[in-house]
Amino acid sequence: MLSIVTFLIFTVGVFVFTWYKARNVNMQSSEGYFLGGRSLPGIVIACSLVLTNLSTEQMVGLNGQSYMSSMTVMAWEVTAPLSLIFLAFLFLPKYLKSGITTIPDFLQQRFDLSTRQLMSILFLIGYASSFLPTVLYSGALVLDQIFNVSETLQLSEFWTIFLIALAIGGIGCFYIIYGGLRAISFADTIYGIGLILGGILIPFLGLYHLGDGSLSVGTDRLLHTNTDKLNAIGGPGSNVPWPTILTGLLFNNLFYWCTNQAIVQRSLGAKSLAEGQKGVLFAGFFKVFGVLYLVIPGLIAYDLYGGNIPNGDQAYPQLVIDVLPTALSGFFAAVLFGAIMSSFNGALNSCITLFTLDLYKPIFKPNASDDQIVKAGRIFAFSFAFLSIIITPFVLFAGDGLYNYLQEMFGFINIPILGAIVIGFFTKYVPAIAPKIATITHLILYGASKVVLGDLNFLYVLAILFPLNIALQLIIAQFRSRETPYEMQDSGAVDMTPWKHRKLTTALILIMVIGLYVFFSPLGVAT
């Protein structure tokens, strides 16, 4: 009962705070609704970026992978700052200069409307088929274990997941429909602080538990038991092979952090380039520490339970239940609930933006007013969320781990979108037909790789398909180039003065990334 009370107090408190902070935004303006009125400061962008990315599919999935394999999976987290550096220095200045609202909006400026709509459809398919249902599923899995919903209501796992997903989706829709991006971003700030504090608490409590009441004994046991699992340099057959870190994994991360609408939309709402860069680089700084609560708990769980948990995705929830005091379980459940909602809200808000501005207005109602656009977005939100909720319990039947499943599914859409953006930035004569042909080619080849190449790690496939995508578009340009060169126009939407500490912050981030890999290497202290 205590855990339920603390859960409700924290959740309601955050809701009241976000309503208060977002109450003065003009919600009938599409810019106010979708980009928070271009008024977001750096710290809000940083927290929103971290929490939109950080949810139960990561906390459950990555810790599950480290439980089943080793520290090699930290590459997903530790190398993400490299992509955020690209976003801060290369992608974001161009996005803000052009004044775009969505990533496909830039593709229309650079290519044509049909290219924009094609990429929007790819985004929507990716979110509907895998991301949103998996976020809801992993969240339902954790909340069920903390509150024993299935046992209390005497429901099967399938219907328990559906019920919890319905609750999360309903509350998430309320945030989206009545608060827009500004409400989501301020909620992210509060939940972000709570999630980081709670997330860091779990490994410390886990080490205390591992050491039978001694943190130092627990740490010593972690560092000297199963030392082979502390090596982050993966071999060719590991979850993240070392040859893919600066190839396939980097391409995957560049898509996620630099062209993924759900992520980039936070930085598009920056009130200036300086604030946007500050928020993005702060997020990169936070991501380096993510290994502490996204990977280490899985290793602690392995030392505690050995191989006795058949499903690695159950390792983190079990650890939370065993080490967290009852008085704090409600608070952490509320924070996890916020993380679930953040990822769900962020993706859903981006889907609304893509649908209304890239498909609804251009195709169905070219003369739609801001009020009509927002109304259409709200109707779409309900429909899209309900579809995701319906799909959610069927994730039970997916054979792979949650995190790997998500990344492999996004392999169908990430390279075409990233390739189109990169070509759009660095060329002037590549025609609109090029990204369309490259997209179709990628879908065929990536799909064929799943059948023909069998168990080959998909990061190897991405390492080949991205250069191929770029080369194909450049070859097409040799035979059918644009008649006039593309020139990016300055929209004057925000102040474009760069953040003065961007280079120093970047250097610190790179030093931390390298240091972490040295520590968790065959020559490092940890092994």
Protein backbone atom coordinates (compact mmCIF):
# COMPACT_ATOMS: atom_id res chain seq x y z
CA MET A 1 0.00 0.00 0.00
CA LEU A 2 2.85 2.40 0.84
CA SER A 3 4.37 1.92 -2.60
CA ILE A 4 1.03 2.73 -4.28
CA VAL A 5 0.61 5.91 -2.20
CA THR A 6 4.09 7.23 -2.99
CA PHE A 7 3.58 6.32 -6.65
CA LEU A 8 0.34 8.35 -6.83
CA ILE A 9 1.74 11.34 -4.94
CA PHE A 10 4.78 11.67 -7.21
CA THR A 11 2.85 11.08 -10.44
CA VAL A 12 0.08 13.58 -9.63
CA GLY A 13 2.65 16.12 -8.44
CA VAL A 14 4.52 16.00 -11.76
CA PHE A 15 1.26 16.33 -13.68
CA VAL A 16 0.28 19.49 -11.75
CA PHE A 17 3.75 20.97 -12.27
CA THR A 18 3.74 20.37 -16.04
CA TRP A 19 0.24 21.79 -16.40
CA TYR A 20 1.37 24.93 -14.57
CA LYS A 21 4.51 25.37 -16.73
CA ALA A 22 2.70 24.75 -20.03
CA ARG A 23 -0.47 26.71 -19.33
CA ASN A 24 0.64 29.89 -21.12
CA VAL A 25 1.71 28.26 -24.40
CA ASN A 26 -0.62 28.93 -27.31
CA MET A 27 -1.85 25.38 -27.97
CA GLN A 28 -3.78 26.46 -31.06
CA SER A 29 -0.52 27.43 -32.74
CA SER A 30 1.21 24.55 -34.52
CA GLU A 31 4.63 25.92 -33.51
CA GLY A 32 3.54 26.26 -29.90
CA TYR A 33 2.03 22.78 -29.93
CA PHE A 34 4.78 20.91 -31.76
CA LEU A 35 7.95 22.86 -30.84
CA GLY A 36 7.06 24.41 -27.48
CA GLY A 37 6.99 27.86 -29.12
CA ARG A 38 10.76 27.54 -29.85
CA SER A 39 11.38 28.50 -26.23
CA LEU A 40 13.17 25.48 -24.70
CA PRO A 41 16.38 26.17 -22.70
CA GLY A 42 19.41 23.89 -22.79
CA ILE A 43 18.83 22.03 -19.51
CA VAL A 44 15.24 21.19 -20.49
CA ILE A 45 16.42 19.93 -23.90
CA ALA A 46 19.14 17.81 -22.24
CA CYS A 47 16.78 16.17 -19.74
CA SER A 48 14.14 15.65 -22.41
CA LEU A 49 16.64 14.05 -24.79
CA VAL A 50 17.98 11.72 -22.11
CA LEU A 51 14.59 10.61 -20.84
CA THR A 52 12.99 10.30 -24.28
CA ASN A 53 15.82 7.91 -25.07
CA LEU A 54 15.91 6.33 -21.62
CA SER A 55 12.97 4.10 -20.87
CA THR A 56 12.15 0.63 -19.71
CA GLU A 57 12.99 -0.92 -23.07
CA GLN A 58 16.55 0.27 -22.42
CA MET A 59 16.72 -0.40 -18.69
CA VAL A 60 15.19 -3.84 -19.14
CA GLY A 61 16.72 -4.62 -22.54
CA LEU A 62 20.33 -3.47 -22.10
CA ASN A 63 20.64 -4.87 -18.59
CA GLY A 64 19.12 -8.06 -19.93
CA GLN A 65 21.76 -8.19 -22.67
CA SER A 66 24.63 -7.55 -20.23
CA TYR A 67 23.18 -10.29 -18.00
CA MET A 68 23.18 -12.71 -20.94
CA SER A 69 26.46 -11.58 -22.54
CA SER A 70 28.98 -9.00 -21.26
CA MET A 71 30.04 -5.34 -21.13
CA THR A 72 30.19 -5.26 -24.94
CA VAL A 73 26.61 -3.97 -24.92
CA MET A 74 27.77 -0.76 -23.28
CA ALA A 75 28.69 0.39 -26.80
CA TRP A 76 25.02 1.26 -27.40
CA GLU A 77 25.21 3.78 -24.57
CA VAL A 78 28.83 4.92 -24.40
CA THR A 79 29.24 5.65 -28.12
CA ALA A 80 25.97 7.60 -28.35
CA PRO A 81 27.75 10.85 -27.34
CA LEU A 82 29.74 10.66 -30.60
CA SER A 83 26.50 11.00 -32.53
CA LEU A 84 25.30 13.82 -30.25
CA ILE A 85 28.52 15.67 -31.07
CA PHE A 86 27.64 15.31 -34.76
CA LEU A 87 24.17 16.65 -33.96
CA ALA A 88 25.53 19.67 -32.07
CA PHE A 89 28.16 20.69 -34.62
CA LEU A 90 26.76 19.56 -37.96
CA PHE A 91 23.09 18.63 -38.05
CA LEU A 92 21.50 21.05 -35.56
CA PRO A 93 22.96 24.27 -37.03
CA LYS A 94 21.56 23.30 -40.43
CA TYR A 95 18.19 22.29 -38.99
CA LEU A 96 17.78 25.54 -37.05
CA LYS A 97 19.06 27.66 -39.91
CA SER A 98 16.46 26.20 -42.26
CA GLY A 99 13.70 26.71 -39.66
CA ILE A 100 12.22 23.23 -40.14
CA THR A 101 9.54 21.68 -37.90
CA THR A 102 10.15 18.06 -38.93
CA ILE A 103 13.08 16.16 -40.42
CA PRO A 104 11.06 15.33 -43.57
CA ASP A 105 10.41 19.08 -43.85
CA PHE A 106 14.10 19.50 -44.70
CA LEU A 107 13.83 16.69 -47.26
CA GLN A 108 11.10 18.63 -49.04
CA GLN A 109 13.27 21.75 -49.10
CA ARG A 110 16.20 19.77 -50.49
CA PHE A 111 14.39 17.28 -52.75
CA ASP A 112 10.59 17.40 -53.13
CA LEU A 113 7.28 16.79 -51.35
CA SER A 114 7.08 13.10 -52.28
CA THR A 115 10.52 12.45 -50.71
CA ARG A 116 9.32 14.13 -47.52
CA GLN A 117 6.19 12.03 -47.46
CA LEU A 118 8.06 8.79 -48.18
CA MET A 119 10.36 9.34 -45.20
CA SER A 120 7.43 10.31 -42.98
CA ILE A 121 5.70 7.06 -43.86
CA LEU A 122 8.89 5.13 -43.03
CA PHE A 123 9.04 6.84 -39.62
CA LEU A 124 5.39 6.07 -38.88
CA ILE A 125 5.74 2.41 -39.89
CA GLY A 126 8.81 2.05 -37.66
CA TYR A 127 7.11 3.60 -34.64
CA ALA A 128 3.84 1.69 -35.10
CA SER A 129 5.36 -1.74 -35.78
CA SER A 130 8.06 -1.88 -33.15
CA PHE A 131 8.98 1.16 -31.04
CA LEU A 132 5.72 2.16 -29.36
CA PRO A 133 4.50 -1.40 -28.70
CA THR A 134 7.89 -2.41 -27.29
CA VAL A 135 8.05 0.62 -24.99
CA LEU A 136 4.59 -0.21 -23.67
CA TYR A 137 5.39 -3.91 -23.35
CA SER A 138 8.63 -3.43 -21.40
CA GLY A 139 6.93 -0.88 -19.16
CA ALA A 140 4.04 -3.20 -18.47
CA LEU A 141 6.52 -5.98 -17.65
CA VAL A 142 8.26 -3.89 -14.98
CA LEU A 143 5.11 -2.37 -13.43
CA ASP A 144 3.48 -5.79 -13.24
CA GLN A 145 6.42 -7.15 -11.26
CA ILE A 146 6.53 -4.17 -8.89
CA PHE A 147 2.78 -4.01 -8.17
CA ASN A 148 1.83 -7.68 -8.80
CA VAL A 149 -1.00 -6.61 -11.10
CA SER A 150 -1.47 -10.02 -12.71
CA GLU A 151 -1.59 -11.77 -9.34
CA THR A 152 -3.94 -9.22 -7.77
CA LEU A 153 -6.40 -9.19 -10.67
CA GLN A 154 -5.93 -12.86 -11.53
CA LEU A 155 -5.19 -12.05 -15.17
CA SER A 156 -3.01 -13.83 -17.70
CA GLU A 157 0.26 -12.17 -18.72
CA PHE A 158 -1.26 -11.23 -22.10
CA TRP A 159 -4.22 -9.35 -20.62
CA THR A 160 -2.13 -7.82 -17.83
CA ILE A 161 0.21 -6.30 -20.39
CA PHE A 162 -2.75 -5.02 -22.39
CA LEU A 163 -4.37 -3.42 -19.32
CA ILE A 164 -1.19 -1.67 -18.16
CA ALA A 165 -0.41 -0.55 -21.73
CA LEU A 166 -3.93 0.90 -21.96
CA ALA A 167 -3.37 2.91 -18.77
CA ILE A 168 0.03 4.19 -19.90
CA GLY A 169 -1.26 5.04 -23.36
CA GLY A 170 -4.32 6.85 -22.01
CA ILE A 171 -2.32 9.07 -19.66
CA GLY A 172 0.29 9.64 -22.35
CA CYS A 173 -2.38 10.81 -24.78
CA PHE A 174 -3.64 13.28 -22.18
CA TYR A 175 -0.18 14.85 -21.91
CA ILE A 176 0.16 14.99 -25.70
CA ILE A 177 -3.30 16.31 -26.51
CA TYR A 178 -3.52 18.96 -23.79
CA GLY A 179 0.11 19.90 -23.30
CA GLY A 180 2.07 19.43 -26.51
CA LEU A 181 5.87 19.38 -26.57
CA ARG A 182 6.33 21.95 -23.81
CA ALA A 183 4.34 19.89 -21.27
CA ILE A 184 6.21 16.74 -22.27
CA SER A 185 9.59 18.46 -21.98
CA PHE A 186 8.96 19.84 -18.49
CA ALA A 187 7.63 16.47 -17.31
CA ASP A 188 10.79 14.92 -18.76
CA THR A 189 12.91 17.29 -16.69
CA ILE A 190 11.35 16.14 -13.41
CA TYR A 191 11.25 12.46 -14.35
CA GLY A 192 14.78 12.71 -15.77
CA ILE A 193 16.21 13.82 -12.43
CA GLY A 194 14.25 11.12 -10.61
CA LEU A 195 15.20 8.40 -13.08
CA ILE A 196 18.89 9.21 -12.94
CA LEU A 197 18.86 9.30 -9.12
CA GLY A 198 16.78 6.13 -8.89
CA GLY A 199 18.72 4.42 -11.66
CA ILE A 200 22.04 5.11 -9.95
CA LEU A 201 20.62 3.94 -6.61
CA ILE A 202 19.84 0.44 -7.98
CA PRO A 203 23.47 -0.59 -8.76
CA PHE A 204 24.67 0.77 -5.41
CA LEU A 205 21.97 -1.17 -3.56
CA GLY A 206 22.77 -4.14 -5.78
CA LEU A 207 26.45 -4.00 -4.83
CA TYR A 208 25.48 -3.63 -1.16
CA HIS A 209 23.26 -6.70 -1.54
CA LEU A 210 25.99 -8.56 -3.45
CA GLY A 211 28.48 -7.84 -0.65
CA ASP A 212 26.09 -9.02 2.10
CA GLY A 213 25.83 -5.54 3.59
CA SER A 214 29.19 -4.17 2.42
CA LEU A 215 29.51 -1.92 -0.64
CA SER A 216 33.26 -2.48 -0.92
CA VAL A 217 32.90 -6.26 -0.73
CA GLY A 218 30.16 -6.15 -3.36
CA THR A 219 32.35 -4.03 -5.66
CA ASP A 220 35.29 -6.36 -5.17
CA ARG A 221 33.09 -9.36 -5.96
CA LEU A 222 31.80 -7.69 -9.13
CA LEU A 223 35.35 -6.88 -10.32
CA HIS A 224 36.82 -10.29 -9.52
CA THR A 225 33.99 -12.71 -10.25
CA ASN A 226 33.11 -13.55 -13.85
CA THR A 227 35.82 -11.15 -15.06
CA ASP A 228 35.28 -12.27 -18.66
CA LYS A 229 31.97 -10.40 -18.62
CA LEU A 230 33.76 -7.09 -17.85
CA ASN A 231 35.48 -6.94 -21.25
CA ALA A 232 33.79 -4.31 -23.45
CA ILE A 233 35.84 -5.12 -26.57
CA GLY A 234 33.58 -7.57 -28.35
CA GLY A 235 34.85 -10.21 -30.74
CA PRO A 236 33.44 -10.77 -34.25
CA GLY A 237 30.57 -12.89 -32.91
CA SER A 238 29.55 -10.77 -29.89
CA ASN A 239 26.42 -8.64 -29.51
CA VAL A 240 28.37 -5.56 -30.60
CA PRO A 241 31.46 -6.68 -32.59
CA TRP A 242 34.34 -4.22 -32.25
CA PRO A 243 34.68 -3.68 -36.05
CA THR A 244 31.14 -2.23 -36.10
CA ILE A 245 31.62 0.41 -33.38
CA LEU A 246 32.76 3.11 -35.83
CA THR A 247 30.83 1.68 -38.80
CA GLY A 248 27.46 -0.06 -38.48
CA LEU A 249 26.85 1.02 -34.88
CA LEU A 250 27.88 4.60 -35.64
CA PHE A 251 25.52 4.73 -38.65
CA ASN A 252 22.72 3.33 -36.50
CA ASN A 253 23.37 5.92 -33.79
CA LEU A 254 23.65 8.79 -36.27
CA PHE A 255 20.18 7.91 -37.52
CA TYR A 256 18.78 7.71 -34.00
CA TRP A 257 20.34 10.84 -32.52
CA CYS A 258 20.63 13.08 -35.59
CA THR A 259 17.67 12.25 -37.84
CA ASN A 260 15.10 10.48 -35.64
CA GLN A 261 12.13 12.84 -35.34
CA ALA A 262 11.29 11.81 -31.75
CA ILE A 263 14.81 12.77 -30.62
CA VAL A 264 15.64 15.72 -32.85
CA GLN A 265 12.30 17.42 -32.21
CA ARG A 266 13.50 18.31 -28.70
CA SER A 267 16.45 20.27 -30.05
CA LEU A 268 14.34 21.85 -32.81
CA GLY A 269 12.39 23.55 -30.02
CA ALA A 270 15.54 25.36 -28.78
CA LYS A 271 15.24 29.11 -28.33
CA SER A 272 18.73 29.58 -29.87
CA LEU A 273 21.54 27.55 -31.41
CA ALA A 274 23.61 28.06 -28.24
CA GLU A 275 20.86 26.62 -26.04
CA GLY A 276 20.33 23.76 -28.50
CA GLN A 277 24.04 22.87 -28.55
CA LYS A 278 24.24 23.17 -24.78
CA GLY A 279 21.31 20.80 -24.34
CA VAL A 280 22.62 18.27 -26.88
CA LEU A 281 26.15 18.18 -25.44
CA PHE A 282 24.87 18.00 -21.85
CA ALA A 283 22.82 15.01 -22.96
CA GLY A 284 26.00 13.47 -24.42
CA PHE A 285 27.75 14.04 -21.09
CA PHE A 286 24.90 12.27 -19.23
CA LYS A 287 24.95 9.35 -21.68
CA VAL A 288 28.51 8.41 -20.70
CA PHE A 289 27.29 7.73 -17.16
CA GLY A 290 24.41 5.65 -18.49
CA VAL A 291 26.55 2.52 -18.30
CA LEU A 292 26.20 2.68 -14.51
CA TYR A 293 22.44 2.04 -14.55
CA LEU A 294 21.92 0.47 -18.00
CA VAL A 295 24.66 -2.19 -18.02
CA ILE A 296 26.19 -2.68 -14.56
CA PRO A 297 22.92 -3.86 -12.90
CA GLY A 298 22.75 -6.70 -15.41
CA LEU A 299 26.24 -7.85 -14.35
CA ILE A 300 25.28 -7.56 -10.68
CA ALA A 301 22.18 -9.62 -11.38
CA TYR A 302 24.34 -12.30 -13.01
CA ASP A 303 26.60 -12.48 -9.96
CA LEU A 304 23.55 -12.70 -7.70
CA TYR A 305 21.42 -15.14 -9.66
CA GLY A 306 23.93 -16.87 -11.96
CA GLY A 307 22.22 -18.28 -15.01
CA ASN A 308 19.01 -19.09 -13.13
CA ILE A 309 16.91 -16.46 -14.92
CA PRO A 310 16.08 -18.00 -18.31
CA ASN A 311 14.78 -14.75 -19.82
CA GLY A 312 17.40 -12.01 -19.53
CA ASP A 313 14.73 -9.31 -19.78
CA GLN A 314 13.52 -10.40 -16.33
CA ALA A 315 16.91 -9.77 -14.67
CA TYR A 316 16.57 -6.02 -14.05
CA PRO A 317 12.98 -6.10 -12.72
CA GLN A 318 13.96 -8.95 -10.38
CA LEU A 319 16.98 -6.99 -9.12
CA VAL A 320 14.83 -3.90 -8.47
CA ILE A 321 12.31 -5.92 -6.45
CA ASP A 322 15.03 -7.65 -4.40
CA VAL A 323 17.24 -4.65 -3.49
CA LEU A 324 14.91 -1.64 -3.31
CA PRO A 325 13.35 -0.82 0.09
CA THR A 326 9.54 -0.89 0.12
CA ALA A 327 9.38 2.82 1.03
CA LEU A 328 11.21 3.71 -2.19
CA SER A 329 9.54 1.21 -4.52
CA GLY A 330 6.56 3.51 -5.17
CA PHE A 331 8.83 6.45 -5.98
CA PHE A 332 10.95 4.41 -8.38
CA ALA A 333 7.86 2.89 -9.94
CA ALA A 334 6.58 6.43 -10.55
CA VAL A 335 9.91 7.39 -12.11
CA LEU A 336 9.86 4.30 -14.33
CA PHE A 337 6.28 5.15 -15.23
CA GLY A 338 7.49 8.61 -16.23
CA ALA A 339 10.26 7.10 -18.34
CA ILE A 340 7.75 4.88 -20.11
CA MET A 341 5.44 7.81 -20.73
CA SER A 342 8.30 9.99 -21.90
CA SER A 343 9.38 7.58 -24.63
CA PHE A 344 5.76 6.90 -25.54
CA ASN A 345 4.83 10.60 -25.53
CA GLY A 346 7.93 11.66 -27.42
CA ALA A 347 7.43 9.14 -30.19
CA LEU A 348 3.67 9.75 -30.36
CA ASN A 349 4.11 13.52 -30.46
CA SER A 350 6.57 13.12 -33.32
CA CYS A 351 4.14 10.83 -35.14
CA ILE A 352 1.42 13.47 -34.79
CA THR A 353 3.79 16.10 -36.16
CA LEU A 354 4.77 13.91 -39.11
CA PHE A 355 1.19 12.97 -39.92
CA THR A 356 -0.34 16.44 -39.69
CA LEU A 357 2.41 18.53 -41.28
CA ASP A 358 3.78 16.02 -43.79
CA LEU A 359 0.69 14.05 -44.81
CA TYR A 360 -2.60 15.58 -43.59
CA LYS A 361 -2.05 19.20 -44.61
CA PRO A 362 -0.25 18.67 -47.97
CA ILE A 363 -2.49 15.83 -49.17
CA PHE A 364 -5.89 16.20 -47.53
CA LYS A 365 -6.26 19.86 -46.52
CA PRO A 366 -3.67 22.25 -48.01
CA ASN A 367 -5.46 25.32 -46.63
CA ALA A 368 -5.91 23.96 -43.10
CA SER A 369 -5.65 26.50 -40.29
CA ASP A 370 -3.47 25.97 -37.21
CA ASP A 371 -6.59 25.08 -35.23
CA GLN A 372 -7.58 22.41 -37.77
CA ILE A 373 -4.03 21.00 -37.84
CA VAL A 374 -3.93 20.65 -34.05
CA LYS A 375 -7.41 19.08 -34.01
CA ALA A 376 -6.39 16.54 -36.69
CA GLY A 377 -3.26 15.77 -34.68
CA ARG A 378 -5.29 15.03 -31.57
CA ILE A 379 -7.61 12.64 -33.44
CA PHE A 380 -4.59 10.90 -34.96
CA ALA A 381 -2.97 10.62 -31.52
CA PHE A 382 -5.90 8.63 -30.15
CA SER A 383 -6.02 6.35 -33.19
CA PHE A 384 -2.26 5.73 -33.40
CA ALA A 385 -1.94 5.17 -29.64
CA PHE A 386 -4.83 2.69 -29.64
CA LEU A 387 -3.24 0.77 -32.52
CA SER A 388 0.03 0.54 -30.58
CA ILE A 389 -1.79 -0.62 -27.46
CA ILE A 390 -3.53 -3.39 -29.44
CA ILE A 391 -0.17 -4.61 -30.81
CA THR A 392 1.66 -4.41 -27.45
CA PRO A 393 0.71 -7.76 -25.84
CA PHE A 394 1.72 -9.61 -29.01
CA VAL A 395 5.35 -8.61 -28.36
CA LEU A 396 5.21 -11.50 -25.88
CA PHE A 397 5.69 -13.82 -28.84
CA ALA A 398 8.84 -12.13 -30.16
CA GLY A 399 11.76 -14.53 -29.82
CA ASP A 400 14.69 -12.06 -29.51
CA GLY A 401 15.56 -9.80 -26.59
CA LEU A 402 13.70 -6.52 -26.52
CA TYR A 403 16.58 -4.18 -27.28
CA ASN A 404 18.08 -6.20 -30.09
CA TYR A 405 14.63 -6.66 -31.64
CA LEU A 406 14.08 -2.89 -31.65
CA GLN A 407 17.41 -2.10 -33.26
CA GLU A 408 17.06 -4.77 -35.94
CA MET A 409 13.57 -3.56 -36.85
CA PHE A 410 14.80 0.02 -37.20
CA GLY A 411 17.45 -1.33 -39.58
CA PHE A 412 14.75 -1.29 -42.25
CA ILE A 413 14.32 2.50 -42.07
CA ASN A 414 17.44 4.04 -40.53
CA ILE A 415 19.86 3.93 -43.47
CA PRO A 416 17.48 5.40 -46.10
CA ILE A 417 16.60 8.34 -43.83
CA LEU A 418 20.19 9.02 -42.73
CA GLY A 419 21.43 8.67 -46.31
CA ALA A 420 18.90 11.16 -47.64
CA ILE A 421 19.78 13.73 -44.96
CA VAL A 422 23.55 13.39 -45.48
CA ILE A 423 23.20 13.66 -49.27
CA GLY A 424 20.92 16.64 -48.77
CA PHE A 425 23.49 18.41 -46.61
CA PHE A 426 26.63 17.81 -48.63
CA THR A 427 25.54 17.81 -52.26
CA LYS A 428 23.83 20.35 -54.47
CA TYR A 429 22.94 18.42 -57.61
CA VAL A 430 21.66 15.00 -56.45
CA PRO A 431 18.04 14.78 -57.74
CA ALA A 432 14.88 13.83 -55.85
CA ILE A 433 14.68 10.43 -57.54
CA ALA A 434 17.97 9.34 -55.91
CA PRO A 435 16.80 8.88 -52.27
CA LYS A 436 13.65 7.10 -53.51
CA ILE A 437 15.63 4.53 -55.50
CA ALA A 438 18.15 4.18 -52.64
CA THR A 439 15.31 3.58 -50.17
CA ILE A 440 13.72 0.82 -52.24
CA THR A 441 17.14 -0.77 -52.80
CA HIS A 442 17.89 -0.75 -49.07
CA LEU A 443 14.56 -2.32 -48.11
CA ILE A 444 15.16 -5.16 -50.58
CA LEU A 445 18.78 -5.78 -49.58
CA TYR A 446 18.24 -5.49 -45.82
CA GLY A 447 15.22 -7.78 -46.00
CA ALA A 448 17.21 -10.27 -48.09
CA SER A 449 20.06 -10.21 -45.55
CA LYS A 450 17.67 -11.48 -42.88
CA VAL A 451 16.88 -14.50 -45.06
CA VAL A 452 20.16 -15.21 -46.88
CA LEU A 453 22.74 -14.28 -44.24
CA GLY A 454 20.90 -15.84 -41.32
CA ASP A 455 22.49 -15.03 -37.96
CA LEU A 456 25.02 -12.47 -39.25
CA ASN A 457 24.96 -9.46 -36.90
CA PHE A 458 22.84 -6.75 -38.50
CA LEU A 459 25.47 -4.10 -37.65
CA TYR A 460 27.76 -5.68 -40.24
CA VAL A 461 24.95 -5.35 -42.78
CA LEU A 462 24.41 -1.66 -41.92
CA ALA A 463 28.16 -1.06 -42.24
CA ILE A 464 27.89 -2.11 -45.91
CA LEU A 465 24.47 -0.70 -46.79
CA PHE A 466 25.10 2.90 -45.70
CA PRO A 467 28.12 3.50 -47.99
CA LEU A 468 26.19 1.68 -50.72
CA ASN A 469 23.22 4.00 -50.18
CA ILE A 470 25.40 7.10 -50.51
CA ALA A 471 27.29 5.72 -53.54
CA LEU A 472 24.06 4.81 -55.32
CA GLN A 473 22.66 8.33 -54.93
CA LEU A 474 25.90 9.89 -56.19
CA ILE A 475 25.92 7.56 -59.20
CA ILE A 476 22.33 8.48 -60.04
CA ALA A 477 23.33 12.16 -59.92
CA GLN A 478 25.90 11.51 -62.64
CA PHE A 479 23.15 10.53 -65.04
CA ARG A 480 20.27 12.74 -63.86
CA SER A 481 21.32 15.75 -61.82
CA ARG A 482 19.28 18.72 -60.63
CA GLU A 483 18.94 21.56 -63.09
CA THR A 484 19.69 24.17 -60.41
CA PRO A 485 21.98 23.72 -57.38
CA TYR A 486 20.39 23.55 -53.93
CA GLU A 487 21.16 26.42 -51.59
CA MET A 488 20.00 26.37 -47.95
CA GLN A 489 18.22 29.57 -46.95
CA ASP A 490 18.49 31.17 -43.51
CA SER A 491 14.97 31.32 -42.06
CA GLY A 492 15.96 33.60 -39.18
CA ALA A 493 13.87 31.48 -36.80
CA VAL A 494 16.38 31.60 -33.91
CA ASP A 495 19.67 33.24 -32.93
CA MET A 496 22.43 31.22 -34.64
CA THR A 497 25.32 32.23 -32.34
CA PRO A 498 27.10 28.98 -31.26
CA TRP A 499 27.59 28.04 -27.60
CA LYS A 500 31.01 29.28 -26.46
CA HIS A 501 31.84 26.17 -24.38
CA ARG A 502 30.94 23.61 -27.06
CA LYS A 503 34.53 22.61 -27.90
CA LEU A 504 35.65 22.21 -24.28
CA THR A 505 32.57 20.14 -23.46
CA THR A 506 33.17 17.96 -26.52
CA ALA A 507 36.77 17.31 -25.50
CA LEU A 508 35.67 16.24 -22.01
CA ILE A 509 33.08 13.88 -23.47
CA LEU A 510 35.63 12.23 -25.78
CA ILE A 511 38.12 11.79 -22.93
CA MET A 512 35.43 10.12 -20.82
CA VAL A 513 34.38 7.75 -23.64
CA ILE A 514 37.97 6.67 -24.32
CA GLY A 515 38.68 6.29 -20.59
CA LEU A 516 35.66 4.04 -20.08
CA TYR A 517 36.76 1.75 -22.92
CA VAL A 518 40.30 1.60 -21.55
CA PHE A 519 38.93 0.68 -18.11
CA PHE A 520 36.69 -2.09 -19.47
CA SER A 521 39.27 -3.61 -21.81
CA PRO A 522 41.60 -6.64 -21.56
CA LEU A 523 44.33 -4.27 -20.35
CA GLY A 524 42.09 -2.23 -18.06
CA VAL A 525 41.65 -2.21 -14.30
CA ALA A 526 38.28 -3.95 -14.47
CA THR A 527 39.63 -7.09 -16.12
